[in-house]
Amino acid sequence: MRTICVFCGARSGVDPRYSETASNLGELIATSGRRLVFGGGDIGLMGAVSAAAHASGGAVVGVIPASLIDRELERSPEIALRVVRTMHERKAMMVELSDGFVALPGGFGTLDELFEILTWSQLGIHRKPVGLLNSGGFYDRLLAFLDSLVADGFLLGGHHELLIVDDDPASLLDRMDRWVAPDLARWADLDDV
């Protein structure tokens, strides 16, 4: 993975571990010689991950819809900023530019990006690793809910192989580097998608 897209919140959350983890991930992406792609804002966890990557000498590309510039940019960012018209264009460009994806804590937007990229993986639209950085157990309840989707027959158990979960940035990136896309042919029944 030469380029990693990070999905994360435009807020920092209440637990300082979220910002610390975002900064650690940004620094790790940069020091490992990778490029960061993210949502373009310089506030919240987006600001933490991009500032750390930039401060560590990494290449950083932000992708932001024009309608969010006033809301998510507080200062002139020192990054390559690509301005698009819509959220759909933002997600499409982020996917096109990236070799892998990591979700940090966030709200509706982060979950939208995570689930869209997982759905595309499930459908075979891309074969790129998708990681979930479970900082401070933030995603524990979501992971339990995903288990309930399997138990209730709405998600095939093997689809868990599409999501790589870890609470340590270095370990997560290592596992994503070694990830081999599962054989989707064994999940060919699209009624289960």
Protein backbone atom coordinates (compact mmCIF):
# COMPACT_ATOMS: atom_id res chain seq x y z
CA MET A 1 0.00 0.00 0.00
CA ARG A 2 1.65 3.20 -1.17
CA THR A 3 -1.35 5.44 -0.48
CA ILE A 4 -3.70 5.10 2.48
CA CYS A 5 -7.04 6.83 2.71
CA VAL A 6 -8.16 7.68 6.24
CA PHE A 7 -11.83 8.17 7.05
CA CYS A 8 -12.36 10.07 10.31
CA GLY A 9 -14.33 12.71 12.12
CA ALA A 10 -14.29 16.47 11.71
CA ARG A 11 -14.58 16.48 15.51
CA SER A 12 -12.03 15.23 18.03
CA GLY A 13 -14.40 13.38 20.34
CA VAL A 14 -14.26 13.42 24.13
CA ASP A 15 -11.48 10.89 24.66
CA PRO A 16 -7.98 12.32 24.02
CA ARG A 17 -6.88 8.86 22.82
CA TYR A 18 -8.78 9.45 19.58
CA SER A 19 -6.61 12.44 18.63
CA GLU A 20 -3.46 10.70 19.84
CA THR A 21 -4.22 7.67 17.70
CA ALA A 22 -5.00 9.88 14.68
CA SER A 23 -1.67 11.68 15.13
CA ASN A 24 0.19 8.39 15.57
CA LEU A 25 -1.38 7.01 12.40
CA GLY A 26 -0.55 10.15 10.39
CA GLU A 27 3.07 10.06 11.56
CA LEU A 28 3.34 6.33 10.80
CA ILE A 29 1.91 6.75 7.31
CA ALA A 30 4.47 9.48 6.58
CA THR A 31 7.51 7.82 8.14
CA SER A 32 6.79 4.57 6.30
CA GLY A 33 7.01 6.46 3.00
CA ARG A 34 3.31 6.33 2.23
CA ARG A 35 0.96 9.07 1.07
CA LEU A 36 -2.11 10.08 3.09
CA VAL A 37 -5.45 10.77 1.42
CA PHE A 38 -8.18 12.17 3.66
CA GLY A 39 -11.30 14.33 3.68
CA GLY A 40 -9.43 17.63 3.39
CA GLY A 41 -10.50 19.37 6.59
CA ASP A 42 -8.04 20.68 9.16
CA ILE A 43 -10.32 20.28 12.18
CA GLY A 44 -11.02 17.34 14.46
CA LEU A 45 -9.37 14.00 13.75
CA MET A 46 -8.94 14.99 10.10
CA GLY A 47 -6.73 17.84 11.24
CA ALA A 48 -4.80 15.62 13.65
CA VAL A 49 -3.99 12.89 11.13
CA SER A 50 -3.06 15.29 8.33
CA ALA A 51 -0.99 17.64 10.52
CA ALA A 52 1.02 14.71 11.90
CA ALA A 53 1.62 13.26 8.45
CA HIS A 54 2.67 16.65 7.09
CA ALA A 55 4.92 17.40 10.09
CA SER A 56 6.62 14.04 9.55
CA GLY A 57 7.46 14.90 5.94
CA GLY A 58 4.70 12.88 4.31
CA ALA A 59 2.77 13.61 1.17
CA VAL A 60 -0.80 14.57 2.05
CA VAL A 61 -3.77 14.91 -0.29
CA GLY A 62 -7.07 16.29 0.95
CA VAL A 63 -10.28 15.84 -1.02
CA ILE A 64 -13.09 18.20 -0.04
CA PRO A 65 -16.38 19.32 -1.55
CA ALA A 66 -16.53 23.08 -2.17
CA SER A 67 -19.57 23.30 0.11
CA LEU A 68 -17.51 22.15 3.13
CA ILE A 69 -14.53 24.47 2.74
CA ASP A 70 -15.92 27.16 5.05
CA ARG A 71 -17.05 24.58 7.61
CA GLU A 72 -13.99 22.29 7.73
CA LEU A 73 -11.03 24.56 6.91
CA GLU A 74 -10.06 26.98 9.66
CA ARG A 75 -6.69 27.95 8.22
CA SER A 76 -4.81 27.59 4.96
CA PRO A 77 -3.69 23.95 4.93
CA GLU A 78 -0.18 23.01 3.88
CA ILE A 79 -1.42 20.08 1.84
CA ALA A 80 -2.41 19.30 -1.72
CA LEU A 81 -6.11 20.09 -1.71
CA ARG A 82 -8.46 18.77 -4.37
CA VAL A 83 -11.82 20.50 -4.42
CA VAL A 84 -14.76 18.57 -5.84
CA ARG A 85 -18.44 19.41 -6.26
CA THR A 86 -20.19 16.66 -4.29
CA MET A 87 -19.71 14.12 -1.53
CA HIS A 88 -20.08 11.38 -4.14
CA GLU A 89 -17.19 12.85 -6.13
CA ARG A 90 -15.17 13.12 -2.91
CA LYS A 91 -15.58 9.43 -2.11
CA ALA A 92 -14.93 8.34 -5.70
CA MET A 93 -11.70 10.36 -5.86
CA MET A 94 -10.53 9.09 -2.47
CA VAL A 95 -11.06 5.50 -3.65
CA GLU A 96 -9.31 6.14 -6.96
CA LEU A 97 -6.25 7.67 -5.27
CA SER A 98 -5.85 4.99 -2.57
CA ASP A 99 -4.47 1.48 -2.15
CA GLY A 100 -6.07 0.85 1.24
CA PHE A 101 -8.48 2.43 3.73
CA VAL A 102 -8.48 3.01 7.49
CA ALA A 103 -11.43 4.26 9.54
CA LEU A 104 -10.76 6.15 12.76
CA PRO A 105 -13.50 7.27 15.14
CA GLY A 106 -16.08 9.56 13.58
CA GLY A 107 -19.77 10.16 13.01
CA PHE A 108 -22.24 9.62 10.19
CA GLY A 109 -19.80 10.66 7.46
CA THR A 110 -17.09 8.27 8.66
CA LEU A 111 -19.57 5.42 8.94
CA ASP A 112 -20.95 6.21 5.48
CA GLU A 113 -17.45 6.08 3.99
CA LEU A 114 -16.55 2.89 5.87
CA PHE A 115 -19.70 1.01 4.92
CA GLU A 116 -19.62 2.15 1.29
CA ILE A 117 -16.02 0.97 0.89
CA LEU A 118 -16.87 -2.34 2.61
CA THR A 119 -19.90 -2.81 0.35
CA TRP A 120 -17.75 -2.17 -2.72
CA SER A 121 -15.30 -4.78 -1.44
CA GLN A 122 -18.15 -7.22 -0.78
CA LEU A 123 -19.37 -6.72 -4.35
CA GLY A 124 -15.88 -7.14 -5.82
CA ILE A 125 -15.72 -3.52 -7.08
CA HIS A 126 -12.31 -3.18 -5.44
CA ARG A 127 -9.82 -5.60 -3.86
CA LYS A 128 -8.11 -3.21 -1.42
CA PRO A 129 -7.70 -3.76 2.32
CA VAL A 130 -10.08 -1.97 4.69
CA GLY A 131 -8.96 -1.40 8.26
CA LEU A 132 -10.78 -0.25 11.37
CA LEU A 133 -8.58 1.40 13.99
CA ASN A 134 -10.52 0.65 17.16
CA SER A 135 -8.99 3.42 19.29
CA GLY A 136 -10.00 3.11 22.94
CA GLY A 137 -12.63 0.49 22.05
CA PHE A 138 -14.60 3.13 20.12
CA TYR A 139 -15.96 0.58 17.64
CA ASP A 140 -16.65 -2.29 20.09
CA ARG A 141 -20.43 -1.76 19.93
CA LEU A 142 -20.38 -1.52 16.14
CA LEU A 143 -18.41 -4.77 15.92
CA ALA A 144 -20.95 -6.44 18.23
CA PHE A 145 -23.73 -5.15 15.97
CA LEU A 146 -21.99 -6.63 12.92
CA ASP A 147 -21.90 -9.97 14.77
CA SER A 148 -25.66 -9.63 15.31
CA LEU A 149 -26.12 -9.08 11.55
CA VAL A 150 -24.44 -12.44 11.01
CA ALA A 151 -26.52 -14.11 13.74
CA ASP A 152 -29.73 -12.68 12.27
CA GLY A 153 -28.85 -13.85 8.75
CA PHE A 154 -28.27 -10.45 7.12
CA LEU A 155 -24.50 -10.74 6.70
CA LEU A 156 -22.44 -13.78 5.81
CA GLY A 157 -19.90 -14.63 8.49
CA GLY A 158 -17.06 -14.70 6.00
CA HIS A 159 -17.63 -11.06 5.19
CA HIS A 160 -15.83 -10.25 8.45
CA GLU A 161 -12.64 -11.11 6.52
CA LEU A 162 -13.20 -7.89 4.56
CA LEU A 163 -12.63 -5.75 7.67
CA ILE A 164 -9.28 -5.79 9.44
CA VAL A 165 -9.68 -4.61 13.04
CA ASP A 166 -6.88 -3.55 15.38
CA ASP A 167 -6.33 -1.02 18.15
CA ASP A 168 -2.70 -0.28 17.25
CA PRO A 169 -1.82 1.77 14.13
CA ALA A 170 1.44 -0.07 13.36
CA SER A 171 -0.12 -3.49 13.81
CA LEU A 172 -3.10 -2.51 11.67
CA LEU A 173 -0.94 -1.27 8.78
CA ASP A 174 1.20 -4.41 8.98
CA ARG A 175 -1.88 -6.63 8.82
CA MET A 176 -3.27 -4.60 5.92
CA ASP A 177 0.04 -4.98 4.05
CA ARG A 178 -0.18 -8.77 4.46
CA TRP A 179 -3.92 -9.00 3.73
CA VAL A 180 -4.98 -11.26 0.89
CA ALA A 181 -8.39 -10.56 -0.59
CA PRO A 182 -10.74 -13.45 0.20
CA ASP A 183 -12.32 -15.56 -2.51
CA LEU A 184 -15.67 -13.89 -3.04
CA ALA A 185 -16.89 -16.73 -5.24
CA ARG A 186 -17.84 -18.68 -2.13
CA TRP A 187 -20.19 -15.77 -1.26
CA ALA A 188 -21.74 -15.53 -4.73
CA ASP A 189 -25.35 -15.34 -3.51
CA LEU A 190 -26.10 -11.64 -3.93
CA ASP A 191 -29.29 -12.07 -1.88
CA ASP A 192 -26.94 -11.92 1.11
CA VAL A 193 -25.42 -8.57 0.14
